Amino acid sequence: MLLAQLPSKPSSARVALWRHMRAAGATALVNGAWALPCSTPYAEFFEQARESIIRQGGIGFLLRVSASSPETNEAIVRLFRADRARDYDEFAERCTAFLDEINRESNAGKYTFAEMEESEQDLEKLARWLAKIEARDFFPDGRGQQSAALLARCRITLEGFSQAVYTAEGVRDPEEGVTTGIGDTAMDRTAAAGPGDPGGDAAAAPS
């Protein structure tokens, strides 16, 4: 447990501490009292935070708390889970927005590489975000599995959209190695022309 007190001004120091604690998955028991599971890495994290607090003119104490009553432990676990629930709820909102966006682009027939690449980048961000949430989910209650399933749904939806893009652009799917476009592509014409045929100098289809 880290007990922290910082000067009231500048307020930016207290905001920075709050964000630093939240990023690590620490939960606030009461104002200025932060808790993390007992482990060497987290003890070192709290010690570094305490030293920073002191350098900024504040007061900090690092305590190793022994086993508490079942009621106290359950109350602390509820606080951790409530924090993660907010994270998972926001993640679910972003995933829903991701799926809605792909549906809008599909309904509008906007099957372009630009849209596909933008969606791929968004999916990568979602995957990294979920990994961060799971890393600080110290007391899993099933929300992590639900979020992983939602991310998988996003990935499958994007794969379907990508296939439609390849078809619309008339190029090969780089993962399947098959032509998905309607009609022949330059690559197909090159292969069909054979050695020595003037058609064999045709440019390869874009990948």
N, C-alpha and C. Protein backbone atom coordinates (compact mmCIF):
# COMPACT_ATOMS: atom_id res chain seq x y z
N MET A 1 0.84 -1.19 0.00
CA MET A 1 0.00 0.00 0.00
C MET A 1 0.88 1.24 0.00
N LEU A 2 0.52 2.21 -0.84
CA LEU A 2 1.22 3.49 -0.90
C LEU A 2 0.31 4.57 -0.35
N LEU A 3 0.78 5.24 0.69
CA LEU A 3 0.06 6.39 1.24
C LEU A 3 0.74 7.63 0.71
N ALA A 4 0.01 8.44 -0.03
CA ALA A 4 0.61 9.58 -0.72
C ALA A 4 -0.13 10.87 -0.42
N GLN A 5 0.65 11.92 -0.19
CA GLN A 5 0.07 13.25 -0.02
C GLN A 5 0.98 14.23 -0.74
N LEU A 6 0.40 14.96 -1.68
CA LEU A 6 1.13 15.94 -2.46
C LEU A 6 0.61 17.34 -2.17
N PRO A 7 1.45 18.35 -2.35
CA PRO A 7 0.97 19.73 -2.17
C PRO A 7 -0.22 20.01 -3.07
N SER A 8 -1.10 20.89 -2.63
CA SER A 8 -2.30 21.18 -3.41
C SER A 8 -1.98 21.86 -4.73
N LYS A 9 -0.86 22.57 -4.77
CA LYS A 9 -0.44 23.25 -6.01
C LYS A 9 1.01 22.90 -6.30
N PRO A 10 1.33 22.62 -7.54
CA PRO A 10 0.41 22.61 -8.69
C PRO A 10 -0.42 21.32 -8.70
N SER A 11 -1.63 21.42 -9.19
CA SER A 11 -2.52 20.25 -9.23
C SER A 11 -2.04 19.21 -10.22
N SER A 12 -1.19 19.63 -11.15
CA SER A 12 -0.71 18.69 -12.18
C SER A 12 0.04 17.52 -11.56
N ALA A 13 0.70 17.72 -10.41
CA ALA A 13 1.44 16.64 -9.77
C ALA A 13 0.49 15.56 -9.28
N ARG A 14 -0.64 15.97 -8.70
CA ARG A 14 -1.60 14.99 -8.21
C ARG A 14 -2.28 14.26 -9.37
N VAL A 15 -2.55 14.98 -10.46
CA VAL A 15 -3.15 14.35 -11.64
C VAL A 15 -2.18 13.33 -12.24
N ALA A 16 -0.90 13.71 -12.30
CA ALA A 16 0.11 12.80 -12.86
C ALA A 16 0.22 11.54 -12.01
N LEU A 17 0.17 11.69 -10.68
CA LEU A 17 0.23 10.53 -9.80
C LEU A 17 -0.98 9.64 -10.01
N TRP A 18 -2.14 10.25 -10.10
CA TRP A 18 -3.37 9.48 -10.31
C TRP A 18 -3.28 8.67 -11.60
N ARG A 19 -2.82 9.29 -12.67
CA ARG A 19 -2.72 8.59 -13.95
C ARG A 19 -1.66 7.48 -13.88
N HIS A 20 -0.57 7.75 -13.18
CA HIS A 20 0.51 6.77 -13.04
C HIS A 20 -0.01 5.54 -12.29
N MET A 21 -0.76 5.75 -11.25
CA MET A 21 -1.30 4.64 -10.47
C MET A 21 -2.32 3.84 -11.28
N ARG A 22 -3.21 4.55 -11.97
CA ARG A 22 -4.23 3.87 -12.77
C ARG A 22 -3.61 3.04 -13.89
N ALA A 23 -2.56 3.57 -14.50
CA ALA A 23 -1.91 2.85 -15.59
C ALA A 23 -1.33 1.53 -15.11
N ALA A 24 -0.89 1.49 -13.86
CA ALA A 24 -0.32 0.27 -13.30
C ALA A 24 -1.38 -0.68 -12.77
N GLY A 25 -2.63 -0.21 -12.70
CA GLY A 25 -3.70 -1.05 -12.19
C GLY A 25 -3.95 -0.91 -10.70
N ALA A 26 -3.29 0.07 -10.06
CA ALA A 26 -3.50 0.27 -8.63
C ALA A 26 -4.91 0.78 -8.39
N THR A 27 -5.48 0.41 -7.26
CA THR A 27 -6.82 0.88 -6.91
C THR A 27 -6.72 1.77 -5.69
N ALA A 28 -7.59 2.78 -5.63
CA ALA A 28 -7.60 3.71 -4.51
C ALA A 28 -8.55 3.20 -3.43
N LEU A 29 -7.99 2.88 -2.27
CA LEU A 29 -8.84 2.43 -1.15
C LEU A 29 -9.61 3.61 -0.58
N VAL A 30 -8.88 4.68 -0.31
CA VAL A 30 -9.46 5.97 0.08
C VAL A 30 -8.57 7.02 -0.56
N ASN A 31 -8.90 8.27 -0.39
CA ASN A 31 -8.11 9.33 -0.99
C ASN A 31 -6.65 9.27 -0.53
N GLY A 32 -5.74 9.08 -1.50
CA GLY A 32 -4.31 9.07 -1.18
C GLY A 32 -3.77 7.72 -0.75
N ALA A 33 -4.60 6.69 -0.74
CA ALA A 33 -4.14 5.35 -0.34
C ALA A 33 -4.34 4.40 -1.51
N TRP A 34 -3.23 3.93 -2.07
CA TRP A 34 -3.26 3.07 -3.25
C TRP A 34 -2.80 1.67 -2.90
N ALA A 35 -3.41 0.68 -3.55
CA ALA A 35 -3.07 -0.72 -3.27
C ALA A 35 -2.77 -1.47 -4.56
N LEU A 36 -1.82 -2.40 -4.45
CA LEU A 36 -1.48 -3.31 -5.54
C LEU A 36 -1.19 -4.68 -4.93
N PRO A 37 -1.31 -5.74 -5.73
CA PRO A 37 -0.96 -7.07 -5.21
C PRO A 37 0.48 -7.09 -4.71
N CYS A 38 0.73 -7.88 -3.70
CA CYS A 38 2.06 -7.93 -3.07
C CYS A 38 3.02 -8.72 -3.97
N SER A 39 3.96 -8.00 -4.59
CA SER A 39 4.98 -8.63 -5.41
C SER A 39 6.17 -7.69 -5.51
N THR A 40 7.34 -8.23 -5.81
CA THR A 40 8.54 -7.39 -5.89
C THR A 40 8.42 -6.30 -6.94
N PRO A 41 7.96 -6.59 -8.17
CA PRO A 41 7.84 -5.51 -9.16
C PRO A 41 6.94 -4.37 -8.71
N TYR A 42 5.82 -4.70 -8.08
CA TYR A 42 4.91 -3.64 -7.66
C TYR A 42 5.44 -2.89 -6.45
N ALA A 43 6.19 -3.57 -5.60
CA ALA A 43 6.83 -2.89 -4.48
C ALA A 43 7.85 -1.88 -5.01
N GLU A 44 8.59 -2.27 -6.02
CA GLU A 44 9.56 -1.35 -6.62
C GLU A 44 8.85 -0.19 -7.30
N PHE A 45 7.73 -0.48 -7.95
CA PHE A 45 6.94 0.58 -8.60
C PHE A 45 6.47 1.60 -7.57
N PHE A 46 5.93 1.13 -6.45
CA PHE A 46 5.47 2.03 -5.39
C PHE A 46 6.63 2.82 -4.78
N GLU A 47 7.78 2.18 -4.63
CA GLU A 47 8.93 2.86 -4.04
C GLU A 47 9.40 4.00 -4.96
N GLN A 48 9.41 3.75 -6.25
CA GLN A 48 9.79 4.81 -7.19
C GLN A 48 8.79 5.96 -7.14
N ALA A 49 7.51 5.62 -7.02
CA ALA A 49 6.48 6.65 -6.92
C ALA A 49 6.64 7.45 -5.63
N ARG A 50 6.96 6.75 -4.53
CA ARG A 50 7.14 7.42 -3.24
C ARG A 50 8.31 8.40 -3.32
N GLU A 51 9.40 7.99 -3.94
CA GLU A 51 10.56 8.88 -4.07
C GLU A 51 10.22 10.11 -4.91
N SER A 52 9.42 9.91 -5.95
CA SER A 52 9.00 11.04 -6.77
C SER A 52 8.11 11.99 -5.98
N ILE A 53 7.24 11.44 -5.15
CA ILE A 53 6.36 12.27 -4.31
C ILE A 53 7.19 13.13 -3.36
N ILE A 54 8.19 12.56 -2.75
CA ILE A 54 9.04 13.28 -1.81
C ILE A 54 9.81 14.39 -2.53
N ARG A 55 10.30 14.09 -3.73
CA ARG A 55 11.04 15.10 -4.48
C ARG A 55 10.17 16.30 -4.82
N GLN A 56 8.87 16.07 -4.91
CA GLN A 56 7.94 17.15 -5.23
C GLN A 56 7.38 17.84 -3.99
N GLY A 57 8.00 17.56 -2.84
CA GLY A 57 7.58 18.21 -1.60
C GLY A 57 6.42 17.55 -0.91
N GLY A 58 6.11 16.32 -1.28
CA GLY A 58 5.00 15.62 -0.65
C GLY A 58 5.45 14.63 0.41
N ILE A 59 4.52 13.82 0.86
CA ILE A 59 4.78 12.81 1.88
C ILE A 59 4.34 11.46 1.34
N GLY A 60 5.16 10.45 1.52
CA GLY A 60 4.80 9.13 1.03
C GLY A 60 5.27 8.02 1.96
N PHE A 61 4.43 7.04 2.16
CA PHE A 61 4.77 5.87 2.97
C PHE A 61 4.42 4.61 2.18
N LEU A 62 5.34 3.66 2.19
CA LEU A 62 5.11 2.38 1.52
C LEU A 62 4.97 1.32 2.59
N LEU A 63 3.83 0.63 2.61
CA LEU A 63 3.54 -0.36 3.64
C LEU A 63 3.23 -1.72 3.00
N ARG A 64 3.72 -2.77 3.62
CA ARG A 64 3.35 -4.12 3.21
C ARG A 64 2.28 -4.60 4.19
N VAL A 65 1.08 -4.79 3.68
CA VAL A 65 -0.06 -5.10 4.53
C VAL A 65 -0.21 -6.62 4.63
N SER A 66 -0.33 -7.10 5.86
CA SER A 66 -0.52 -8.54 6.07
C SER A 66 -1.95 -8.92 5.76
N ALA A 67 -2.24 -10.21 5.83
CA ALA A 67 -3.58 -10.71 5.51
C ALA A 67 -4.63 -10.03 6.39
N SER A 68 -5.73 -9.62 5.75
CA SER A 68 -6.82 -8.96 6.46
C SER A 68 -7.98 -9.93 6.61
N SER A 69 -9.05 -9.45 7.20
CA SER A 69 -10.24 -10.27 7.36
C SER A 69 -10.85 -10.57 5.99
N PRO A 70 -11.60 -11.65 5.88
CA PRO A 70 -12.23 -11.96 4.59
C PRO A 70 -13.09 -10.82 4.07
N GLU A 71 -13.77 -10.13 4.98
CA GLU A 71 -14.64 -9.03 4.56
C GLU A 71 -13.82 -7.90 3.93
N THR A 72 -12.65 -7.60 4.55
CA THR A 72 -11.79 -6.54 4.02
C THR A 72 -11.22 -6.94 2.67
N ASN A 73 -10.76 -8.18 2.58
CA ASN A 73 -10.21 -8.65 1.31
C ASN A 73 -11.25 -8.58 0.20
N GLU A 74 -12.46 -9.00 0.50
CA GLU A 74 -13.52 -8.98 -0.50
C GLU A 74 -13.83 -7.55 -0.93
N ALA A 75 -13.80 -6.63 0.01
CA ALA A 75 -14.07 -5.23 -0.32
C ALA A 75 -12.99 -4.67 -1.24
N ILE A 76 -11.74 -5.03 -0.98
CA ILE A 76 -10.64 -4.56 -1.82
C ILE A 76 -10.73 -5.17 -3.21
N VAL A 77 -11.05 -6.46 -3.28
CA VAL A 77 -11.20 -7.12 -4.58
C VAL A 77 -12.31 -6.45 -5.38
N ARG A 78 -13.39 -6.07 -4.71
CA ARG A 78 -14.50 -5.40 -5.42
C ARG A 78 -14.03 -4.08 -6.02
N LEU A 79 -13.15 -3.37 -5.31
CA LEU A 79 -12.64 -2.11 -5.83
C LEU A 79 -11.81 -2.35 -7.09
N PHE A 80 -10.93 -3.36 -7.05
CA PHE A 80 -10.14 -3.69 -8.23
C PHE A 80 -11.04 -4.05 -9.40
N ARG A 81 -12.02 -4.90 -9.14
CA ARG A 81 -12.90 -5.34 -10.22
C ARG A 81 -13.74 -4.20 -10.77
N ALA A 82 -14.13 -3.28 -9.92
CA ALA A 82 -14.91 -2.13 -10.39
C ALA A 82 -14.07 -1.28 -11.33
N ASP A 83 -12.78 -1.11 -11.00
CA ASP A 83 -11.89 -0.36 -11.88
C ASP A 83 -11.76 -1.04 -13.24
N ARG A 84 -11.56 -2.36 -13.21
CA ARG A 84 -11.40 -3.08 -14.48
C ARG A 84 -12.72 -3.11 -15.25
N ALA A 85 -13.83 -3.15 -14.55
CA ALA A 85 -15.13 -3.15 -15.24
C ALA A 85 -15.29 -1.89 -16.06
N ARG A 86 -14.85 -0.77 -15.52
CA ARG A 86 -14.92 0.48 -16.28
C ARG A 86 -14.04 0.40 -17.53
N ASP A 87 -12.85 -0.19 -17.37
CA ASP A 87 -11.97 -0.36 -18.52
C ASP A 87 -12.62 -1.24 -19.59
N TYR A 88 -13.17 -2.38 -19.14
CA TYR A 88 -13.78 -3.31 -20.09
C TYR A 88 -15.02 -2.69 -20.75
N ASP A 89 -15.77 -1.89 -20.01
CA ASP A 89 -16.95 -1.25 -20.58
C ASP A 89 -16.54 -0.28 -21.70
N GLU A 90 -15.49 0.49 -21.44
CA GLU A 90 -15.02 1.43 -22.46
C GLU A 90 -14.47 0.67 -23.67
N PHE A 91 -13.78 -0.43 -23.41
CA PHE A 91 -13.27 -1.25 -24.50
C PHE A 91 -14.41 -1.77 -25.36
N ALA A 92 -15.47 -2.24 -24.71
CA ALA A 92 -16.63 -2.76 -25.44
C ALA A 92 -17.27 -1.66 -26.29
N GLU A 93 -17.31 -0.44 -25.78
CA GLU A 93 -17.87 0.66 -26.54
C GLU A 93 -17.05 0.92 -27.80
N ARG A 94 -15.72 0.87 -27.65
CA ARG A 94 -14.85 1.11 -28.80
C ARG A 94 -15.01 -0.01 -29.83
N CYS A 95 -15.14 -1.25 -29.36
CA CYS A 95 -15.33 -2.37 -30.28
C CYS A 95 -16.65 -2.23 -31.04
N THR A 96 -17.70 -1.83 -30.33
CA THR A 96 -18.99 -1.63 -30.97
C THR A 96 -18.90 -0.54 -32.03
N ALA A 97 -18.18 0.54 -31.71
CA ALA A 97 -17.99 1.62 -32.67
C ALA A 97 -17.21 1.12 -33.89
N PHE A 98 -16.23 0.24 -33.65
CA PHE A 98 -15.43 -0.34 -34.73
C PHE A 98 -16.32 -1.15 -35.66
N LEU A 99 -17.16 -2.01 -35.09
CA LEU A 99 -18.06 -2.84 -35.89
C LEU A 99 -19.07 -1.99 -36.64
N ASP A 100 -19.59 -0.95 -35.98
CA ASP A 100 -20.56 -0.08 -36.63
C ASP A 100 -19.93 0.63 -37.83
N GLU A 101 -18.69 1.05 -37.67
CA GLU A 101 -18.01 1.76 -38.76
C GLU A 101 -17.83 0.85 -39.97
N ILE A 102 -17.41 -0.39 -39.73
CA ILE A 102 -17.24 -1.32 -40.85
C ILE A 102 -18.58 -1.60 -41.53
N ASN A 103 -19.64 -1.73 -40.73
CA ASN A 103 -20.97 -1.95 -41.31
C ASN A 103 -21.41 -0.76 -42.17
N ARG A 104 -21.10 0.46 -41.70
CA ARG A 104 -21.46 1.64 -42.48
C ARG A 104 -20.71 1.67 -43.81
N GLU A 105 -19.40 1.37 -43.74
CA GLU A 105 -18.61 1.39 -44.96
C GLU A 105 -19.08 0.29 -45.92
N SER A 106 -19.45 -0.86 -45.38
CA SER A 106 -19.93 -1.96 -46.22
C SER A 106 -21.25 -1.58 -46.87
N ASN A 107 -22.16 -1.02 -46.10
CA ASN A 107 -23.47 -0.63 -46.65
C ASN A 107 -23.32 0.44 -47.72
N ALA A 108 -22.30 1.29 -47.56
CA ALA A 108 -22.07 2.35 -48.54
C ALA A 108 -21.23 1.87 -49.72
N GLY A 109 -20.76 0.63 -49.64
CA GLY A 109 -19.95 0.08 -50.72
C GLY A 109 -18.57 0.70 -50.81
N LYS A 110 -18.05 1.21 -49.71
CA LYS A 110 -16.73 1.85 -49.71
C LYS A 110 -15.65 0.80 -49.45
N TYR A 111 -15.48 -0.09 -50.41
CA TYR A 111 -14.48 -1.15 -50.30
C TYR A 111 -13.16 -0.67 -50.90
N THR A 112 -12.41 0.08 -50.11
CA THR A 112 -11.14 0.64 -50.58
C THR A 112 -10.01 0.21 -49.66
N PHE A 113 -8.79 0.24 -50.23
CA PHE A 113 -7.63 -0.11 -49.42
C PHE A 113 -7.43 0.89 -48.28
N ALA A 114 -7.77 2.14 -48.51
CA ALA A 114 -7.61 3.16 -47.47
C ALA A 114 -8.47 2.83 -46.26
N GLU A 115 -9.73 2.45 -46.52
CA GLU A 115 -10.62 2.10 -45.43
C GLU A 115 -10.13 0.83 -44.73
N MET A 116 -9.65 -0.13 -45.50
CA MET A 116 -9.17 -1.38 -44.92
C MET A 116 -7.96 -1.14 -44.02
N GLU A 117 -7.00 -0.32 -44.49
CA GLU A 117 -5.80 -0.06 -43.72
C GLU A 117 -6.12 0.71 -42.44
N GLU A 118 -7.05 1.64 -42.53
CA GLU A 118 -7.46 2.39 -41.34
C GLU A 118 -8.09 1.46 -40.31
N SER A 119 -8.91 0.54 -40.78
CA SER A 119 -9.55 -0.42 -39.89
C SER A 119 -8.53 -1.36 -39.28
N GLU A 120 -7.54 -1.76 -40.05
CA GLU A 120 -6.48 -2.63 -39.52
C GLU A 120 -5.72 -1.94 -38.40
N GLN A 121 -5.43 -0.67 -38.57
CA GLN A 121 -4.75 0.10 -37.53
C GLN A 121 -5.60 0.21 -36.28
N ASP A 122 -6.90 0.44 -36.48
CA ASP A 122 -7.81 0.54 -35.33
C ASP A 122 -7.88 -0.79 -34.58
N LEU A 123 -7.88 -1.90 -35.32
CA LEU A 123 -7.94 -3.21 -34.68
C LEU A 123 -6.67 -3.47 -33.87
N GLU A 124 -5.53 -3.07 -34.40
CA GLU A 124 -4.27 -3.24 -33.67
C GLU A 124 -4.29 -2.44 -32.36
N LYS A 125 -4.85 -1.25 -32.41
CA LYS A 125 -4.96 -0.43 -31.20
C LYS A 125 -5.85 -1.11 -30.17
N LEU A 126 -6.96 -1.69 -30.65
CA LEU A 126 -7.86 -2.39 -29.74
C LEU A 126 -7.16 -3.59 -29.09
N ALA A 127 -6.39 -4.33 -29.88
CA ALA A 127 -5.69 -5.49 -29.35
C ALA A 127 -4.67 -5.08 -28.30
N ARG A 128 -3.92 -4.01 -28.56
CA ARG A 128 -2.93 -3.54 -27.58
C ARG A 128 -3.62 -3.05 -26.31
N TRP A 129 -4.74 -2.37 -26.48
CA TRP A 129 -5.47 -1.85 -25.34
C TRP A 129 -5.98 -3.00 -24.46
N LEU A 130 -6.54 -4.03 -25.08
CA LEU A 130 -7.05 -5.16 -24.31
C LEU A 130 -5.92 -5.85 -23.56
N ALA A 131 -4.75 -5.97 -24.18
CA ALA A 131 -3.61 -6.59 -23.51
C ALA A 131 -3.22 -5.81 -22.26
N LYS A 132 -3.29 -4.49 -22.32
CA LYS A 132 -2.96 -3.67 -21.16
C LYS A 132 -3.99 -3.87 -20.04
N ILE A 133 -5.27 -3.94 -20.42
CA ILE A 133 -6.31 -4.13 -19.42
C ILE A 133 -6.14 -5.49 -18.74
N GLU A 134 -5.90 -6.53 -19.55
CA GLU A 134 -5.75 -7.87 -19.00
C GLU A 134 -4.54 -7.97 -18.08
N ALA A 135 -3.48 -7.20 -18.38
CA ALA A 135 -2.27 -7.24 -17.57
C ALA A 135 -2.52 -6.70 -16.16
N ARG A 136 -3.50 -5.82 -16.00
CA ARG A 136 -3.80 -5.27 -14.68
C ARG A 136 -5.13 -5.79 -14.13
N ASP A 137 -5.63 -6.85 -14.74
CA ASP A 137 -6.85 -7.49 -14.24
C ASP A 137 -6.42 -8.57 -13.23
N PHE A 138 -6.18 -8.15 -12.00
CA PHE A 138 -5.59 -9.04 -10.99
C PHE A 138 -6.58 -10.05 -10.43
N PHE A 139 -7.86 -9.75 -10.56
CA PHE A 139 -8.89 -10.65 -10.02
C PHE A 139 -9.95 -10.88 -11.11
N PRO A 140 -9.62 -11.70 -12.12
CA PRO A 140 -10.51 -11.91 -13.26
C PRO A 140 -11.87 -12.44 -12.83
N ASP A 141 -12.91 -11.93 -13.49
CA ASP A 141 -14.27 -12.38 -13.18
C ASP A 141 -15.06 -12.73 -14.43
N GLY A 142 -14.36 -12.96 -15.54
CA GLY A 142 -15.04 -13.32 -16.77
C GLY A 142 -15.13 -12.21 -17.78
N ARG A 143 -14.94 -10.96 -17.34
CA ARG A 143 -15.04 -9.85 -18.28
C ARG A 143 -13.93 -9.90 -19.32
N GLY A 144 -12.77 -10.39 -18.92
CA GLY A 144 -11.66 -10.50 -19.86
C GLY A 144 -11.98 -11.45 -21.00
N GLN A 145 -12.60 -12.58 -20.68
CA GLN A 145 -12.97 -13.54 -21.72
C GLN A 145 -14.02 -12.96 -22.67
N GLN A 146 -14.96 -12.23 -22.11
CA GLN A 146 -15.99 -11.60 -22.94
C GLN A 146 -15.36 -10.58 -23.89
N SER A 147 -14.40 -9.84 -23.38
CA SER A 147 -13.74 -8.82 -24.21
C SER A 147 -12.89 -9.47 -25.29
N ALA A 148 -12.24 -10.58 -24.95
CA ALA A 148 -11.44 -11.30 -25.95
C ALA A 148 -12.33 -11.82 -27.07
N ALA A 149 -13.52 -12.31 -26.71
CA ALA A 149 -14.47 -12.80 -27.71
C ALA A 149 -14.95 -11.65 -28.59
N LEU A 150 -15.14 -10.48 -27.99
CA LEU A 150 -15.58 -9.31 -28.77
C LEU A 150 -14.48 -8.87 -29.73
N LEU A 151 -13.24 -8.92 -29.28
CA LEU A 151 -12.13 -8.57 -30.16
C LEU A 151 -12.03 -9.56 -31.32
N ALA A 152 -12.26 -10.84 -31.03
CA ALA A 152 -12.24 -11.85 -32.09
C ALA A 152 -13.34 -11.57 -33.11
N ARG A 153 -14.49 -11.13 -32.65
CA ARG A 153 -15.57 -10.78 -33.56
C ARG A 153 -15.17 -9.61 -34.46
N CYS A 154 -14.47 -8.64 -33.87
CA CYS A 154 -13.99 -7.50 -34.66
C CYS A 154 -13.01 -7.98 -35.74
N ARG A 155 -12.14 -8.90 -35.37
CA ARG A 155 -11.14 -9.40 -36.31
C ARG A 155 -11.81 -10.16 -37.47
N ILE A 156 -12.79 -10.99 -37.14
CA ILE A 156 -13.50 -11.75 -38.18
C ILE A 156 -14.25 -10.81 -39.11
N THR A 157 -14.88 -9.79 -38.53
CA THR A 157 -15.62 -8.82 -39.34
C THR A 157 -14.68 -8.08 -40.29
N LEU A 158 -13.50 -7.72 -39.79
CA LEU A 158 -12.53 -7.03 -40.64
C LEU A 158 -12.02 -7.95 -41.74
N GLU A 159 -11.84 -9.23 -41.44
CA GLU A 159 -11.40 -10.17 -42.46
C GLU A 159 -12.42 -10.25 -43.60
N GLY A 160 -13.70 -10.27 -43.25
CA GLY A 160 -14.74 -10.28 -44.27
C GLY A 160 -14.72 -9.01 -45.10
N PHE A 161 -14.52 -7.87 -44.44
CA PHE A 161 -14.45 -6.60 -45.16
C PHE A 161 -13.24 -6.58 -46.08
N SER A 162 -12.11 -7.11 -45.60
CA SER A 162 -10.90 -7.14 -46.42
C SER A 162 -11.10 -7.98 -47.67
N GLN A 163 -11.78 -9.12 -47.53
CA GLN A 163 -12.06 -9.95 -48.69
C GLN A 163 -12.88 -9.19 -49.72
N ALA A 164 -13.83 -8.40 -49.23
CA ALA A 164 -14.66 -7.61 -50.13
C ALA A 164 -13.82 -6.54 -50.83
N VAL A 165 -12.84 -5.98 -50.12
CA VAL A 165 -11.95 -4.98 -50.73
C VAL A 165 -11.13 -5.61 -51.85
N TYR A 166 -10.56 -6.80 -51.59
CA TYR A 166 -9.76 -7.47 -52.61
C TYR A 166 -10.61 -7.77 -53.85
N THR A 167 -11.85 -8.19 -53.61
CA THR A 167 -12.74 -8.47 -54.73
C THR A 167 -13.05 -7.21 -55.52
N ALA A 168 -13.35 -6.12 -54.81
CA ALA A 168 -13.69 -4.87 -55.47
C ALA A 168 -12.52 -4.31 -56.26
N GLU A 169 -11.30 -4.48 -55.73
CA GLU A 169 -10.12 -3.95 -56.39
C GLU A 169 -9.56 -4.90 -57.43
N GLY A 170 -10.04 -6.15 -57.45
CA GLY A 170 -9.59 -7.11 -58.43
C GLY A 170 -8.16 -7.55 -58.27
N VAL A 171 -7.73 -7.76 -57.03
CA VAL A 171 -6.36 -8.21 -56.77
C VAL A 171 -6.40 -9.47 -55.93
N ARG A 172 -5.22 -10.08 -55.79
CA ARG A 172 -5.12 -11.30 -55.02
C ARG A 172 -5.12 -11.01 -53.53
N ASP A 173 -5.75 -11.88 -52.78
CA ASP A 173 -5.65 -11.86 -51.32
C ASP A 173 -4.26 -12.34 -50.95
N PRO A 174 -3.41 -11.52 -50.34
CA PRO A 174 -2.03 -11.91 -50.06
C PRO A 174 -1.91 -13.11 -49.14
N GLU A 175 -2.93 -13.40 -48.34
CA GLU A 175 -2.83 -14.52 -47.41
C GLU A 175 -3.29 -15.83 -48.05
N GLU A 176 -4.21 -15.74 -48.98
CA GLU A 176 -4.74 -16.95 -49.59
C GLU A 176 -4.05 -17.27 -50.91
N GLY A 177 -3.48 -16.25 -51.57
CA GLY A 177 -2.79 -16.46 -52.82
C GLY A 177 -3.71 -16.82 -53.95
N VAL A 178 -4.96 -16.37 -53.88
CA VAL A 178 -5.92 -16.66 -54.95
C VAL A 178 -6.47 -15.34 -55.45
N THR A 179 -6.93 -15.35 -56.68
CA THR A 179 -7.50 -14.15 -57.25
C THR A 179 -8.94 -14.02 -56.79
N THR A 180 -9.25 -12.88 -56.18
CA THR A 180 -10.62 -12.66 -55.71
C THR A 180 -11.37 -11.68 -56.59
N GLY A 181 -10.68 -11.04 -57.54
CA GLY A 181 -11.34 -10.06 -58.39
C GLY A 181 -12.15 -10.72 -59.48
N ILE A 182 -13.01 -9.95 -60.08
CA ILE A 182 -13.82 -10.45 -61.18
C ILE A 182 -13.01 -10.28 -62.45
N GLY A 183 -12.86 -11.35 -63.22
CA GLY A 183 -12.07 -11.28 -64.43
C GLY A 183 -10.60 -11.49 -64.12
N ASP A 184 -9.77 -11.47 -65.17
CA ASP A 184 -8.36 -11.74 -64.96
C ASP A 184 -7.62 -10.50 -64.55
N THR A 185 -6.53 -10.69 -63.79
CA THR A 185 -5.67 -9.60 -63.37
C THR A 185 -4.43 -9.63 -64.22
N ALA A 186 -3.59 -8.62 -64.07
CA ALA A 186 -2.34 -8.57 -64.83
C ALA A 186 -1.48 -9.77 -64.50
N MET A 187 -1.52 -10.20 -63.22
CA MET A 187 -0.72 -11.36 -62.82
C MET A 187 -1.21 -12.61 -63.54
N ASP A 188 -2.53 -12.75 -63.66
CA ASP A 188 -3.08 -13.90 -64.36
C ASP A 188 -2.65 -13.89 -65.83
N ARG A 189 -2.69 -12.70 -66.43
CA ARG A 189 -2.31 -12.61 -67.83
C ARG A 189 -0.85 -12.94 -68.03
N THR A 190 -0.01 -12.53 -67.06
CA THR A 190 1.40 -12.83 -67.15
C THR A 190 1.65 -14.32 -67.09
N ALA A 191 0.96 -14.99 -66.16
CA ALA A 191 1.14 -16.42 -66.00
C ALA A 191 0.66 -17.17 -67.23
N ALA A 192 -0.43 -16.71 -67.82
CA ALA A 192 -1.00 -17.41 -68.96
C ALA A 192 -0.16 -17.21 -70.22
N ALA A 193 0.55 -16.08 -70.31
CA ALA A 193 1.28 -15.77 -71.53
C ALA A 193 2.43 -16.74 -71.76
N GLY A 194 3.14 -17.12 -70.69
CA GLY A 194 4.24 -18.06 -70.82
C GLY A 194 5.51 -17.39 -71.30
N PRO A 195 6.67 -18.11 -71.26
CA PRO A 195 7.96 -17.55 -71.65
C PRO A 195 7.97 -17.16 -73.11
N GLY A 196 8.58 -16.02 -73.39
CA GLY A 196 8.74 -15.57 -74.76
C GLY A 196 7.53 -14.89 -75.35
N ASP A 197 6.40 -15.00 -74.70
CA ASP A 197 5.19 -14.34 -75.19
C ASP A 197 5.24 -12.87 -74.82
N PRO A 198 4.94 -11.96 -75.75
CA PRO A 198 4.93 -10.54 -75.41
C PRO A 198 4.07 -10.21 -74.21
N GLY A 199 3.01 -11.01 -74.01
CA GLY A 199 2.15 -10.76 -72.86
C GLY A 199 2.83 -11.06 -71.56
N GLY A 200 3.95 -11.83 -71.62
CA GLY A 200 4.63 -12.19 -70.38
C GLY A 200 5.37 -11.04 -69.74
N ASP A 201 5.47 -9.91 -70.42
CA ASP A 201 6.13 -8.75 -69.83
C ASP A 201 5.16 -7.85 -69.10
N ALA A 202 3.92 -8.27 -69.01
CA ALA A 202 2.92 -7.45 -68.32
C ALA A 202 3.30 -7.27 -66.87
N ALA A 203 2.94 -6.15 -66.32
CA ALA A 203 3.27 -5.85 -64.91
C ALA A 203 2.48 -6.76 -64.01
N ALA A 204 3.11 -7.12 -62.91
CA ALA A 204 2.42 -7.97 -61.93
C ALA A 204 1.33 -7.16 -61.25
N ALA A 205 0.31 -7.88 -60.81
CA ALA A 205 -0.80 -7.23 -60.10
C ALA A 205 -0.30 -6.70 -58.79
N PRO A 206 -0.85 -5.60 -58.34
CA PRO A 206 -0.45 -5.04 -57.04
C PRO A 206 -0.76 -6.02 -55.93
N SER A 207 0.06 -5.98 -54.86
CA SER A 207 -0.16 -6.87 -53.75
C SER A 207 -0.77 -6.13 -52.61
